[in-house]
Amino acid sequence: MRRQPGSATPVFVDGTGRRRRLSVIAATALGLGLLTSLALVAAGIFPDTSVPLLWALPLQQLVYRQLMYLVVVQSVVPALIGNRLRWQRMVRTGEVAALVGAAPR
């Protein structure tokens, strides 16, 4: 796209994408720093906790957050539409013994 002579350029436009890459790198570094400080605080509060449990902290943060997003969306969308979200019920067939084998009585 050519610029017209005498026209002003927008101030916050970065055609190279350098500003976006720098902001992504800065946000990632900040997030990792926060997770590291959280792990250090957890290690200080619970000194008897084993180190492998602390390595699960970032995974728990990511997986639990996505699961909560799913739960919130599943409850907010029907509320906005006006539908009532009913309890999910299992159909009872009475055939558990057939699936696991004949259990002694």
PDB file of N, CA and C in Angstrom:
ATOM      1  N   MET A   1       0.852  -1.159   0.000  1.00  0.00           N
ATOM      2  CA  MET A   1       0.000   0.000   0.000  1.00  0.00           C
ATOM      3  C   MET A   1       0.904   1.230   0.000  1.00  0.00           C
ATOM      4  N   ARG A   2       0.717   2.067  -0.979  1.00  0.00           N
ATOM      5  CA  ARG A   2       1.539   3.262  -1.110  1.00  0.00           C
ATOM      6  C   ARG A   2       0.941   4.402  -0.328  1.00  0.00           C
ATOM      7  N   ARG A   3       1.825   5.192   0.238  1.00  0.00           N
ATOM      8  CA  ARG A   3       1.398   6.365   0.975  1.00  0.00           C
ATOM      9  C   ARG A   3       1.256   7.544   0.045  1.00  0.00           C
ATOM     10  N   GLN A   4       0.217   8.296   0.255  1.00  0.00           N
ATOM     11  CA  GLN A   4       0.030   9.515  -0.526  1.00  0.00           C
ATOM     12  C   GLN A   4       0.964  10.586   0.012  1.00  0.00           C
ATOM     13  N   PRO A   5       1.545  11.389  -0.863  1.00  0.00           N
ATOM     14  CA  PRO A   5       2.404  12.452  -0.359  1.00  0.00           C
ATOM     15  C   PRO A   5       1.616  13.448   0.475  1.00  0.00           C
ATOM     16  N   GLY A   6       2.192  13.785   1.613  1.00  0.00           N
ATOM     17  CA  GLY A   6       1.559  14.755   2.495  1.00  0.00           C
ATOM     18  C   GLY A   6       0.590  14.141   3.487  1.00  0.00           C
ATOM     19  N   SER A   7       0.331  12.821   3.399  1.00  0.00           N
ATOM     20  CA  SER A   7      -0.594  12.200   4.354  1.00  0.00           C
ATOM     21  C   SER A   7       0.178  11.758   5.594  1.00  0.00           C
ATOM     22  N   ALA A   8      -0.478  11.810   6.710  1.00  0.00           N
ATOM     23  CA  ALA A   8       0.149  11.433   7.977  1.00  0.00           C
ATOM     24  C   ALA A   8       0.079   9.928   8.148  1.00  0.00           C
ATOM     25  N   THR A   9       1.139   9.358   8.687  1.00  0.00           N
ATOM     26  CA  THR A   9       1.136   7.922   8.961  1.00  0.00           C
ATOM     27  C   THR A   9       0.581   7.681  10.351  1.00  0.00           C
ATOM     28  N   PRO A  10      -0.131   6.583  10.534  1.00  0.00           N
ATOM     29  CA  PRO A  10      -0.605   6.255  11.875  1.00  0.00           C
ATOM     30  C   PRO A  10       0.565   6.020  12.814  1.00  0.00           C
ATOM     31  N   VAL A  11       0.394   6.376  14.054  1.00  0.00           N
ATOM     32  CA  VAL A  11       1.478   6.321  15.017  1.00  0.00           C
ATOM     33  C   VAL A  11       1.787   4.896  15.455  1.00  0.00           C
ATOM     34  N   PHE A  12       0.762   4.067  15.686  1.00  0.00           N
ATOM     35  CA  PHE A  12       0.965   2.755  16.301  1.00  0.00           C
ATOM     36  C   PHE A  12       0.967   1.607  15.311  1.00  0.00           C
ATOM     37  N   VAL A  13       1.213   1.877  14.056  1.00  0.00           N
ATOM     38  CA  VAL A  13       1.233   0.814  13.057  1.00  0.00           C
ATOM     39  C   VAL A  13       2.664   0.323  12.891  1.00  0.00           C
ATOM     40  N   ASP A  14       2.839  -0.988  13.005  1.00  0.00           N
ATOM     41  CA  ASP A  14       4.149  -1.600  12.818  1.00  0.00           C
ATOM     42  C   ASP A  14       3.999  -2.668  11.750  1.00  0.00           C
ATOM     43  N   GLY A  15       4.377  -2.359  10.552  1.00  0.00           N
ATOM     44  CA  GLY A  15       4.211  -3.289   9.441  1.00  0.00           C
ATOM     45  C   GLY A  15       5.120  -4.496   9.511  1.00  0.00           C
ATOM     46  N   THR A  16       6.193  -4.419  10.257  1.00  0.00           N
ATOM     47  CA  THR A  16       7.137  -5.530  10.327  1.00  0.00           C
ATOM     48  C   THR A  16       6.710  -6.598  11.325  1.00  0.00           C
ATOM     49  N   GLY A  17       5.864  -6.267  12.273  1.00  0.00           N
ATOM     50  CA  GLY A  17       5.450  -7.221  13.299  1.00  0.00           C
ATOM     51  C   GLY A  17       6.416  -7.317  14.454  1.00  0.00           C
ATOM     52  N   ARG A  18       7.437  -6.455  14.467  1.00  0.00           N
ATOM     53  CA  ARG A  18       8.443  -6.494  15.517  1.00  0.00           C
ATOM     54  C   ARG A  18       7.854  -6.168  16.879  1.00  0.00           C
ATOM     55  N   ARG A  19       6.948  -5.202  16.936  1.00  0.00           N
ATOM     56  CA  ARG A  19       6.347  -4.815  18.212  1.00  0.00           C
ATOM     57  C   ARG A  19       5.507  -5.958  18.774  1.00  0.00           C
ATOM     58  N   ARG A  20       4.794  -6.675  17.909  1.00  0.00           N
ATOM     59  CA  ARG A  20       3.988  -7.812  18.379  1.00  0.00           C
ATOM     60  C   ARG A  20       4.878  -8.920  18.918  1.00  0.00           C
ATOM     61  N   ARG A  21       5.968  -9.216  18.215  1.00  0.00           N
ATOM     62  CA  ARG A  21       6.883 -10.263  18.692  1.00  0.00           C
ATOM     63  C   ARG A  21       7.482  -9.884  20.037  1.00  0.00           C
ATOM     64  N   LEU A  22       7.866  -8.637  20.181  1.00  0.00           N
ATOM     65  CA  LEU A  22       8.441  -8.204  21.454  1.00  0.00           C
ATOM     66  C   LEU A  22       7.421  -8.274  22.582  1.00  0.00           C
ATOM     67  N   SER A  23       6.175  -7.919  22.296  1.00  0.00           N
ATOM     68  CA  SER A  23       5.156  -7.988  23.347  1.00  0.00           C
ATOM     69  C   SER A  23       4.846  -9.436  23.719  1.00  0.00           C
ATOM     70  N   VAL A  24       4.860 -10.351  22.736  1.00  0.00           N
ATOM     71  CA  VAL A  24       4.637 -11.769  23.037  1.00  0.00           C
ATOM     72  C   VAL A  24       5.782 -12.318  23.874  1.00  0.00           C
ATOM     73  N   ILE A  25       7.009 -11.952  23.533  1.00  0.00           N
ATOM     74  CA  ILE A  25       8.171 -12.419  24.298  1.00  0.00           C
ATOM     75  C   ILE A  25       8.125 -11.860  25.719  1.00  0.00           C
ATOM     76  N   ALA A  26       7.775 -10.578  25.850  1.00  0.00           N
ATOM     77  CA  ALA A  26       7.710  -9.967  27.181  1.00  0.00           C
ATOM     78  C   ALA A  26       6.604 -10.604  28.022  1.00  0.00           C
ATOM     79  N   ALA A  27       5.444 -10.864  27.417  1.00  0.00           N
ATOM     80  CA  ALA A  27       4.345 -11.482  28.162  1.00  0.00           C
ATOM     81  C   ALA A  27       4.693 -12.909  28.576  1.00  0.00           C
ATOM     82  N   THR A  28       5.358 -13.647  27.693  1.00  0.00           N
ATOM     83  CA  THR A  28       5.770 -15.011  28.032  1.00  0.00           C
ATOM     84  C   THR A  28       6.790 -15.007  29.163  1.00  0.00           C
ATOM     85  N   ALA A  29       7.751 -14.097  29.092  1.00  0.00           N
ATOM     86  CA  ALA A  29       8.753 -14.006  30.158  1.00  0.00           C
ATOM     87  C   ALA A  29       8.109 -13.613  31.479  1.00  0.00           C
ATOM     88  N   LEU A  30       7.163 -12.699  31.429  1.00  0.00           N
ATOM     89  CA  LEU A  30       6.469 -12.293  32.649  1.00  0.00           C
ATOM     90  C   LEU A  30       5.666 -13.457  33.235  1.00  0.00           C
ATOM     91  N   GLY A  31       4.971 -14.209  32.389  1.00  0.00           N
ATOM     92  CA  GLY A  31       4.212 -15.360  32.867  1.00  0.00           C
ATOM     93  C   GLY A  31       5.094 -16.429  33.472  1.00  0.00           C
ATOM     94  N   LEU A  32       6.223 -16.720  32.809  1.00  0.00           N
ATOM     95  CA  LEU A  32       7.149 -17.716  33.359  1.00  0.00           C
ATOM     96  C   LEU A  32       7.775 -17.230  34.661  1.00  0.00           C
ATOM     97  N   GLY A  33       8.040 -15.931  34.735  1.00  0.00           N
ATOM     98  CA  GLY A  33       8.569 -15.383  35.982  1.00  0.00           C
ATOM     99  C   GLY A  33       7.576 -15.496  37.122  1.00  0.00           C
ATOM    100  N   LEU A  34       6.310 -15.233  36.823  1.00  0.00           N
ATOM    101  CA  LEU A  34       5.280 -15.368  37.856  1.00  0.00           C
ATOM    102  C   LEU A  34       5.113 -16.815  38.299  1.00  0.00           C
ATOM    103  N   LEU A  35       5.146 -17.752  37.340  1.00  0.00           N
ATOM    104  CA  LEU A  35       5.040 -19.165  37.709  1.00  0.00           C
ATOM    105  C   LEU A  35       6.242 -19.611  38.529  1.00  0.00           C
ATOM    106  N   THR A  36       7.416 -19.108  38.187  1.00  0.00           N
ATOM    107  CA  THR A  36       8.614 -19.449  38.953  1.00  0.00           C
ATOM    108  C   THR A  36       8.524 -18.910  40.375  1.00  0.00           C
ATOM    109  N   SER A  37       8.074 -17.657  40.504  1.00  0.00           N
ATOM    110  CA  SER A  37       7.942 -17.095  41.852  1.00  0.00           C
ATOM    111  C   SER A  37       6.860 -17.824  42.650  1.00  0.00           C
ATOM    112  N   LEU A  38       5.801 -18.263  41.977  1.00  0.00           N
ATOM    113  CA  LEU A  38       4.757 -19.028  42.653  1.00  0.00           C
ATOM    114  C   LEU A  38       5.304 -20.366  43.139  1.00  0.00           C
ATOM    115  N   ALA A  39       6.125 -21.006  42.320  1.00  0.00           N
ATOM    116  CA  ALA A  39       6.724 -22.278  42.725  1.00  0.00           C
ATOM    117  C   ALA A  39       7.686 -22.080  43.890  1.00  0.00           C
ATOM    118  N   LEU A  40       8.428 -20.979  43.871  1.00  0.00           N
ATOM    119  CA  LEU A  40       9.351 -20.712  44.982  1.00  0.00           C
ATOM    120  C   LEU A  40       8.602 -20.418  46.274  1.00  0.00           C
ATOM    121  N   VAL A  41       7.509 -19.693  46.178  1.00  0.00           N
ATOM    122  CA  VAL A  41       6.698 -19.419  47.369  1.00  0.00           C
ATOM    123  C   VAL A  41       6.092 -20.713  47.892  1.00  0.00           C
ATOM    124  N   ALA A  42       5.596 -21.552  46.969  1.00  0.00           N
ATOM    125  CA  ALA A  42       5.023 -22.827  47.395  1.00  0.00           C
ATOM    126  C   ALA A  42       6.083 -23.715  48.037  1.00  0.00           C
ATOM    127  N   ALA A  43       7.299 -23.694  47.507  1.00  0.00           N
ATOM    128  CA  ALA A  43       8.378 -24.492  48.101  1.00  0.00           C
ATOM    129  C   ALA A  43       8.761 -23.943  49.471  1.00  0.00           C
ATOM    130  N   GLY A  44       8.649 -22.634  49.662  1.00  0.00           N
ATOM    131  CA  GLY A  44       8.970 -22.048  50.960  1.00  0.00           C
ATOM    132  C   GLY A  44       7.892 -22.306  51.992  1.00  0.00           C
ATOM    133  N   ILE A  45       6.640 -22.292  51.561  1.00  0.00           N
ATOM    134  CA  ILE A  45       5.536 -22.517  52.495  1.00  0.00           C
ATOM    135  C   ILE A  45       5.460 -23.987  52.889  1.00  0.00           C
ATOM    136  N   PHE A  46       5.629 -24.871  51.912  1.00  0.00           N
ATOM    137  CA  PHE A  46       5.543 -26.307  52.167  1.00  0.00           C
ATOM    138  C   PHE A  46       6.908 -26.943  51.912  1.00  0.00           C
ATOM    139  N   PRO A  47       7.836 -26.859  52.862  1.00  0.00           N
ATOM    140  CA  PRO A  47       9.185 -27.383  52.608  1.00  0.00           C
ATOM    141  C   PRO A  47       9.231 -28.900  52.482  1.00  0.00           C
ATOM    142  N   ASP A  48       8.234 -29.604  53.008  1.00  0.00           N
ATOM    143  CA  ASP A  48       8.253 -31.062  52.921  1.00  0.00           C
ATOM    144  C   ASP A  48       7.651 -31.577  51.613  1.00  0.00           C
ATOM    145  N   THR A  49       7.154 -30.675  50.741  1.00  0.00           N
ATOM    146  CA  THR A  49       6.579 -31.087  49.468  1.00  0.00           C
ATOM    147  C   THR A  49       7.693 -31.502  48.525  1.00  0.00           C
ATOM    148  N   SER A  50       7.456 -32.587  47.813  1.00  0.00           N
ATOM    149  CA  SER A  50       8.489 -33.066  46.894  1.00  0.00           C
ATOM    150  C   SER A  50       8.537 -32.181  45.649  1.00  0.00           C
ATOM    151  N   VAL A  51       9.701 -32.150  45.032  1.00  0.00           N
ATOM    152  CA  VAL A  51       9.916 -31.295  43.857  1.00  0.00           C
ATOM    153  C   VAL A  51       9.067 -31.726  42.665  1.00  0.00           C
ATOM    154  N   PRO A  52       8.838 -33.019  42.408  1.00  0.00           N
ATOM    155  CA  PRO A  52       7.993 -33.371  41.254  1.00  0.00           C
ATOM    156  C   PRO A  52       6.582 -32.779  41.332  1.00  0.00           C
ATOM    157  N   LEU A  53       6.058 -32.560  42.510  1.00  0.00           N
ATOM    158  CA  LEU A  53       4.743 -31.935  42.606  1.00  0.00           C
ATOM    159  C   LEU A  53       4.797 -30.477  42.174  1.00  0.00           C
ATOM    160  N   LEU A  54       5.910 -29.805  42.408  1.00  0.00           N
ATOM    161  CA  LEU A  54       6.041 -28.410  41.989  1.00  0.00           C
ATOM    162  C   LEU A  54       6.162 -28.289  40.476  1.00  0.00           C
ATOM    163  N   TRP A  55       6.701 -29.312  39.812  1.00  0.00           N
ATOM    164  CA  TRP A  55       6.784 -29.258  38.360  1.00  0.00           C
ATOM    165  C   TRP A  55       5.413 -29.373  37.720  1.00  0.00           C
ATOM    166  N   ALA A  56       4.436 -29.911  38.420  1.00  0.00           N
ATOM    167  CA  ALA A  56       3.080 -30.026  37.886  1.00  0.00           C
ATOM    168  C   ALA A  56       2.309 -28.713  37.989  1.00  0.00           C
ATOM    169  N   LEU A  57       2.871 -27.728  38.657  1.00  0.00           N
ATOM    170  CA  LEU A  57       2.183 -26.457  38.858  1.00  0.00           C
ATOM    171  C   LEU A  57       1.824 -25.746  37.550  1.00  0.00           C
ATOM    172  N   PRO A  58       2.742 -25.566  36.601  1.00  0.00           N
ATOM    173  CA  PRO A  58       2.356 -24.900  35.354  1.00  0.00           C
ATOM    174  C   PRO A  58       1.308 -25.678  34.573  1.00  0.00           C
ATOM    175  N   LEU A  59       1.427 -26.996  34.569  1.00  0.00           N
ATOM    176  CA  LEU A  59       0.433 -27.814  33.866  1.00  0.00           C
ATOM    177  C   LEU A  59      -0.934 -27.656  34.499  1.00  0.00           C
ATOM    178  N   GLN A  60      -0.977 -27.633  35.821  1.00  0.00           N
ATOM    179  CA  GLN A  60      -2.237 -27.455  36.521  1.00  0.00           C
ATOM    180  C   GLN A  60      -2.828 -26.094  36.208  1.00  0.00           C
ATOM    181  N   GLN A  61      -1.986 -25.079  36.147  1.00  0.00           N
ATOM    182  CA  GLN A  61      -2.463 -23.733  35.839  1.00  0.00           C
ATOM    183  C   GLN A  61      -3.119 -23.697  34.464  1.00  0.00           C
ATOM    184  N   LEU A  62      -2.476 -24.300  33.475  1.00  0.00           N
ATOM    185  CA  LEU A  62      -2.993 -24.247  32.112  1.00  0.00           C
ATOM    186  C   LEU A  62      -4.229 -25.118  31.933  1.00  0.00           C
ATOM    187  N   VAL A  63      -4.170 -26.362  32.390  1.00  0.00           N
ATOM    188  CA  VAL A  63      -5.281 -27.296  32.176  1.00  0.00           C
ATOM    189  C   VAL A  63      -6.503 -26.879  32.989  1.00  0.00           C
ATOM    190  N   TYR A  64      -6.314 -26.516  34.239  1.00  0.00           N
ATOM    191  CA  TYR A  64      -7.437 -26.143  35.093  1.00  0.00           C
ATOM    192  C   TYR A  64      -8.116 -24.886  34.572  1.00  0.00           C
ATOM    193  N   ARG A  65      -7.338 -23.925  34.094  1.00  0.00           N
ATOM    194  CA  ARG A  65      -7.912 -22.692  33.576  1.00  0.00           C
ATOM    195  C   ARG A  65      -8.773 -22.974  32.341  1.00  0.00           C
ATOM    196  N   GLN A  66      -8.294 -23.828  31.433  1.00  0.00           N
ATOM    197  CA  GLN A  66      -9.068 -24.146  30.236  1.00  0.00           C
ATOM    198  C   GLN A  66     -10.340 -24.911  30.596  1.00  0.00           C
ATOM    199  N   LEU A  67     -10.241 -25.794  31.581  1.00  0.00           N
ATOM    200  CA  LEU A  67     -11.421 -26.532  32.025  1.00  0.00           C
ATOM    201  C   LEU A  67     -12.461 -25.593  32.630  1.00  0.00           C
ATOM    202  N   MET A  68     -12.017 -24.625  33.399  1.00  0.00           N
ATOM    203  CA  MET A  68     -12.953 -23.657  33.983  1.00  0.00           C
ATOM    204  C   MET A  68     -13.581 -22.768  32.915  1.00  0.00           C
ATOM    205  N   TYR A  69     -12.816 -22.412  31.876  1.00  0.00           N
ATOM    206  CA  TYR A  69     -13.399 -21.666  30.758  1.00  0.00           C
ATOM    207  C   TYR A  69     -14.522 -22.468  30.121  1.00  0.00           C
ATOM    208  N   LEU A  70     -14.302 -23.764  29.922  1.00  0.00           N
ATOM    209  CA  LEU A  70     -15.314 -24.622  29.325  1.00  0.00           C
ATOM    210  C   LEU A  70     -16.563 -24.681  30.188  1.00  0.00           C
ATOM    211  N   VAL A  71     -16.404 -24.823  31.490  1.00  0.00           N
ATOM    212  CA  VAL A  71     -17.544 -24.889  32.397  1.00  0.00           C
ATOM    213  C   VAL A  71     -18.317 -23.574  32.394  1.00  0.00           C
ATOM    214  N   VAL A  72     -17.612 -22.457  32.400  1.00  0.00           N
ATOM    215  CA  VAL A  72     -18.278 -21.156  32.405  1.00  0.00           C
ATOM    216  C   VAL A  72     -19.039 -20.947  31.106  1.00  0.00           C
ATOM    217  N   VAL A  73     -18.433 -21.287  29.976  1.00  0.00           N
ATOM    218  CA  VAL A  73     -19.120 -21.113  28.693  1.00  0.00           C
ATOM    219  C   VAL A  73     -20.345 -22.010  28.623  1.00  0.00           C
ATOM    220  N   GLN A  74     -20.225 -23.255  29.111  1.00  0.00           N
ATOM    221  CA  GLN A  74     -21.361 -24.171  29.076  1.00  0.00           C
ATOM    222  C   GLN A  74     -22.511 -23.706  29.964  1.00  0.00           C
ATOM    223  N   SER A  75     -22.243 -22.904  30.965  1.00  0.00           N
ATOM    224  CA  SER A  75     -23.324 -22.430  31.817  1.00  0.00           C
ATOM    225  C   SER A  75     -23.824 -21.047  31.416  1.00  0.00           C
ATOM    226  N   VAL A  76     -22.952 -20.211  30.855  1.00  0.00           N
ATOM    227  CA  VAL A  76     -23.368 -18.851  30.488  1.00  0.00           C
ATOM    228  C   VAL A  76     -24.174 -18.843  29.192  1.00  0.00           C
ATOM    229  N   VAL A  77     -23.798 -19.653  28.218  1.00  0.00           N
ATOM    230  CA  VAL A  77     -24.499 -19.647  26.932  1.00  0.00           C
ATOM    231  C   VAL A  77     -25.968 -20.014  27.095  1.00  0.00           C
ATOM    232  N   PRO A  78     -26.335 -21.091  27.784  1.00  0.00           N
ATOM    233  CA  PRO A  78     -27.763 -21.353  27.975  1.00  0.00           C
ATOM    234  C   PRO A  78     -28.464 -20.256  28.784  1.00  0.00           C
ATOM    235  N   ALA A  79     -27.749 -19.635  29.714  1.00  0.00           N
ATOM    236  CA  ALA A  79     -28.357 -18.558  30.490  1.00  0.00           C
ATOM    237  C   ALA A  79     -28.664 -17.351  29.606  1.00  0.00           C
ATOM    238  N   LEU A  80     -27.771 -17.042  28.683  1.00  0.00           N
ATOM    239  CA  LEU A  80     -28.009 -15.922  27.777  1.00  0.00           C
ATOM    240  C   LEU A  80     -29.121 -16.229  26.784  1.00  0.00           C
ATOM    241  N   ILE A  81     -29.207 -17.476  26.355  1.00  0.00           N
ATOM    242  CA  ILE A  81     -30.260 -17.870  25.413  1.00  0.00           C
ATOM    243  C   ILE A  81     -31.611 -17.925  26.115  1.00  0.00           C
ATOM    244  N   GLY A  82     -31.598 -18.243  27.385  1.00  0.00           N
ATOM    245  CA  GLY A  82     -32.833 -18.333  28.143  1.00  0.00           C
ATOM    246  C   GLY A  82     -33.242 -19.757  28.471  1.00  0.00           C
ATOM    247  N   ASN A  83     -32.403 -20.717  28.108  1.00  0.00           N
ATOM    248  CA  ASN A  83     -32.686 -22.117  28.426  1.00  0.00           C
ATOM    249  C   ASN A  83     -32.192 -22.430  29.830  1.00  0.00           C
ATOM    250  N   ARG A  84     -32.874 -23.341  30.475  1.00  0.00           N
ATOM    251  CA  ARG A  84     -32.406 -23.793  31.788  1.00  0.00           C
ATOM    252  C   ARG A  84     -31.478 -24.966  31.576  1.00  0.00           C
ATOM    253  N   LEU A  85     -30.374 -24.946  32.268  1.00  0.00           N
ATOM    254  CA  LEU A  85     -29.414 -26.034  32.185  1.00  0.00           C
ATOM    255  C   LEU A  85     -29.833 -27.099  33.189  1.00  0.00           C
ATOM    256  N   ARG A  86     -30.229 -28.254  32.688  1.00  0.00           N
ATOM    257  CA  ARG A  86     -30.724 -29.318  33.548  1.00  0.00           C
ATOM    258  C   ARG A  86     -29.589 -30.239  33.961  1.00  0.00           C
ATOM    259  N   TRP A  87     -29.844 -30.999  35.017  1.00  0.00           N
ATOM    260  CA  TRP A  87     -28.868 -31.979  35.465  1.00  0.00           C
ATOM    261  C   TRP A  87     -28.767 -33.077  34.423  1.00  0.00           C
ATOM    262  N   GLN A  88     -27.565 -33.567  34.216  1.00  0.00           N
ATOM    263  CA  GLN A  88     -27.346 -34.651  33.262  1.00  0.00           C
ATOM    264  C   GLN A  88     -27.589 -35.965  34.001  1.00  0.00           C
ATOM    265  N   ARG A  89     -28.541 -36.725  33.533  1.00  0.00           N
ATOM    266  CA  ARG A  89     -28.887 -37.984  34.201  1.00  0.00           C
ATOM    267  C   ARG A  89     -28.452 -39.164  33.352  1.00  0.00           C
ATOM    268  N   MET A  90     -27.992 -40.193  34.033  1.00  0.00           N
ATOM    269  CA  MET A  90     -27.626 -41.421  33.327  1.00  0.00           C
ATOM    270  C   MET A  90     -28.851 -42.313  33.226  1.00  0.00           C
ATOM    271  N   VAL A  91     -28.934 -43.017  32.135  1.00  0.00           N
ATOM    272  CA  VAL A  91     -30.025 -43.968  31.954  1.00  0.00           C
ATOM    273  C   VAL A  91     -29.661 -45.242  32.690  1.00  0.00           C
ATOM    274  N   ARG A  92     -30.542 -45.695  33.547  1.00  0.00           N
ATOM    275  CA  ARG A  92     -30.284 -46.918  34.316  1.00  0.00           C
ATOM    276  C   ARG A  92     -30.825 -48.115  33.550  1.00  0.00           C
ATOM    277  N   THR A  93     -29.939 -49.049  33.291  1.00  0.00           N
ATOM    278  CA  THR A  93     -30.359 -50.231  32.542  1.00  0.00           C
ATOM    279  C   THR A  93     -30.329 -51.485  33.391  1.00  0.00           C
ATOM    280  N   GLY A  94     -29.553 -51.494  34.473  1.00  0.00           N
ATOM    281  CA  GLY A  94     -29.466 -52.675  35.328  1.00  0.00           C
ATOM    282  C   GLY A  94     -28.614 -53.775  34.745  1.00  0.00           C
ATOM    283  N   GLU A  95     -27.774 -53.465  33.779  1.00  0.00           N
ATOM    284  CA  GLU A  95     -26.961 -54.482  33.116  1.00  0.00           C
ATOM    285  C   GLU A  95     -25.490 -54.394  33.500  1.00  0.00           C
ATOM    286  N   VAL A  96     -25.179 -53.932  34.691  1.00  0.00           N
ATOM    287  CA  VAL A  96     -23.785 -53.821  35.116  1.00  0.00           C
ATOM    288  C   VAL A  96     -23.175 -55.198  35.284  1.00  0.00           C
ATOM    289  N   ALA A  97     -23.925 -56.146  35.804  1.00  0.00           N
ATOM    290  CA  ALA A  97     -23.410 -57.503  35.998  1.00  0.00           C
ATOM    291  C   ALA A  97     -23.047 -58.136  34.669  1.00  0.00           C
ATOM    292  N   ALA A  98     -23.763 -57.822  33.629  1.00  0.00           N
ATOM    293  CA  ALA A  98     -23.458 -58.386  32.318  1.00  0.00           C
ATOM    294  C   ALA A  98     -22.153 -57.808  31.774  1.00  0.00           C
ATOM    295  N   LEU A  99     -21.826 -56.562  32.119  1.00  0.00           N
ATOM    296  CA  LEU A  99     -20.607 -55.933  31.615  1.00  0.00           C
ATOM    297  C   LEU A  99     -19.366 -56.427  32.371  1.00  0.00           C
ATOM    298  N   VAL A 100     -19.477 -56.613  33.666  1.00  0.00           N
ATOM    299  CA  VAL A 100     -18.332 -57.020  34.459  1.00  0.00           C
ATOM    300  C   VAL A 100     -18.235 -58.525  34.616  1.00  0.00           C
ATOM    301  N   GLY A 101     -19.207 -59.212  34.231  1.00  0.00           N
ATOM    302  CA  GLY A 101     -19.226 -60.655  34.439  1.00  0.00           C
ATOM    303  C   GLY A 101     -20.190 -60.976  35.577  1.00  0.00           C
ATOM    304  N   ALA A 102     -20.532 -62.216  35.705  1.00  0.00           N
ATOM    305  CA  ALA A 102     -21.476 -62.614  36.750  1.00  0.00           C
ATOM    306  C   ALA A 102     -20.807 -62.516  38.111  1.00  0.00           C
ATOM    307  N   ALA A 103     -21.323 -61.642  38.926  1.00  0.00           N
ATOM    308  CA  ALA A 103     -20.790 -61.484  40.278  1.00  0.00           C
ATOM    309  C   ALA A 103     -21.487 -62.474  41.194  1.00  0.00           C
ATOM    310  N   PRO A 104     -20.738 -63.094  42.123  1.00  0.00           N
ATOM    311  CA  PRO A 104     -21.383 -64.038  43.059  1.00  0.00           C
ATOM    312  C   PRO A 104     -22.323 -63.303  44.003  1.00  0.00           C
ATOM    313  N   ARG A 105     -23.397 -63.932  44.340  1.00  0.00           N
ATOM    314  CA  ARG A 105     -24.395 -63.330  45.233  1.00  0.00           C
ATOM    315  C   ARG A 105     -24.236 -63.789  46.627  1.00  0.00           C
TER     316      ARG A 105
END
